[in-house]
Amino acid sequence: MTNAELNKWASAIANRIADEWSGAQDFPDDARKLRSFLEKSLRHDRDAVKLFIGTGIIESDYFEAHL
């Protein structure tokens, strides 16, 4: 996985988790903070990103389905 791919996946995973968080609608500022933290963390953890791909968190064909 290249750094560009890692960053793309990290962003998508962070968005998915933050958007699905039960408090996202009531606390949009907190959802943005959560998304930012997750993305920054995942950009430094290639193994964690790989663990999430192809799970209920994010589909392995996510970018193909969202073009």
Protein backbone atom coordinates (compact mmCIF):
# COMPACT_ATOMS: atom_id res chain seq x y z
CA MET A 1 0.00 0.00 0.00
CA THR A 2 1.47 3.33 -1.03
CA ASN A 3 1.35 6.38 1.23
CA ALA A 4 -1.28 7.93 -1.05
CA GLU A 5 -3.44 4.81 -0.76
CA LEU A 6 -2.90 4.71 3.01
CA ASN A 7 -4.05 8.32 3.32
CA LYS A 8 -7.08 7.68 1.12
CA TRP A 9 -8.13 4.63 3.14
CA ALA A 10 -7.44 6.38 6.47
CA SER A 11 -9.70 9.24 5.45
CA ALA A 12 -12.48 6.96 4.26
CA ILE A 13 -12.36 4.81 7.40
CA ALA A 14 -12.33 7.85 9.68
CA ASN A 15 -15.30 9.34 7.82
CA ARG A 16 -17.24 6.09 8.01
CA ILE A 17 -16.66 5.62 11.74
CA ALA A 18 -17.37 9.25 12.63
CA ASP A 19 -20.51 9.36 10.47
CA GLU A 20 -21.84 6.14 11.99
CA TRP A 21 -21.12 7.21 15.57
CA SER A 22 -24.43 7.40 17.42
CA GLY A 23 -23.78 10.98 18.60
CA ALA A 24 -22.82 12.36 15.19
CA GLN A 25 -26.15 14.09 14.55
CA ASP A 26 -26.49 15.59 18.01
CA PHE A 27 -22.83 16.57 18.36
CA PRO A 28 -21.48 17.45 14.89
CA ASP A 29 -18.44 19.28 16.30
CA ASP A 30 -17.49 16.20 18.29
CA ALA A 31 -17.97 14.03 15.18
CA ARG A 32 -15.53 16.30 13.30
CA LYS A 33 -13.02 15.99 16.16
CA LEU A 34 -13.43 12.21 16.14
CA ARG A 35 -12.96 12.06 12.36
CA SER A 36 -9.84 14.23 12.54
CA PHE A 37 -8.29 12.18 15.34
CA LEU A 38 -9.03 8.87 13.64
CA GLU A 39 -7.64 10.01 10.31
CA LYS A 40 -4.42 11.33 11.85
CA SER A 41 -3.98 8.14 13.87
CA LEU A 42 -4.71 5.81 10.97
CA ARG A 43 -2.29 7.63 8.66
CA HIS A 44 0.46 6.40 11.00
CA ASP A 45 -0.82 2.84 11.39
CA ARG A 46 -0.80 0.92 8.12
CA ASP A 47 -1.61 -2.36 9.92
CA ALA A 48 -4.76 -0.92 11.49
CA VAL A 49 -5.93 0.40 8.12
CA LYS A 50 -5.41 -3.05 6.59
CA LEU A 51 -7.38 -4.64 9.45
CA PHE A 52 -10.44 -2.46 8.75
CA ILE A 53 -10.52 -2.97 4.97
CA GLY A 54 -12.98 -5.67 3.97
CA THR A 55 -14.92 -5.57 7.24
CA GLY A 56 -18.21 -4.11 8.37
CA ILE A 57 -16.32 -0.85 8.86
CA ILE A 58 -15.39 -0.40 5.19
CA GLU A 59 -15.81 -2.63 2.16
CA SER A 60 -12.75 -3.70 0.19
CA ASP A 61 -14.37 -2.29 -2.98
CA TYR A 62 -15.29 1.02 -1.30
CA PHE A 63 -13.52 3.19 -3.86
CA GLU A 64 -14.83 1.22 -6.79
CA ALA A 65 -18.38 1.57 -5.50
CA HIS A 66 -18.00 5.30 -4.69
CA LEU A 67 -16.53 6.68 -7.91
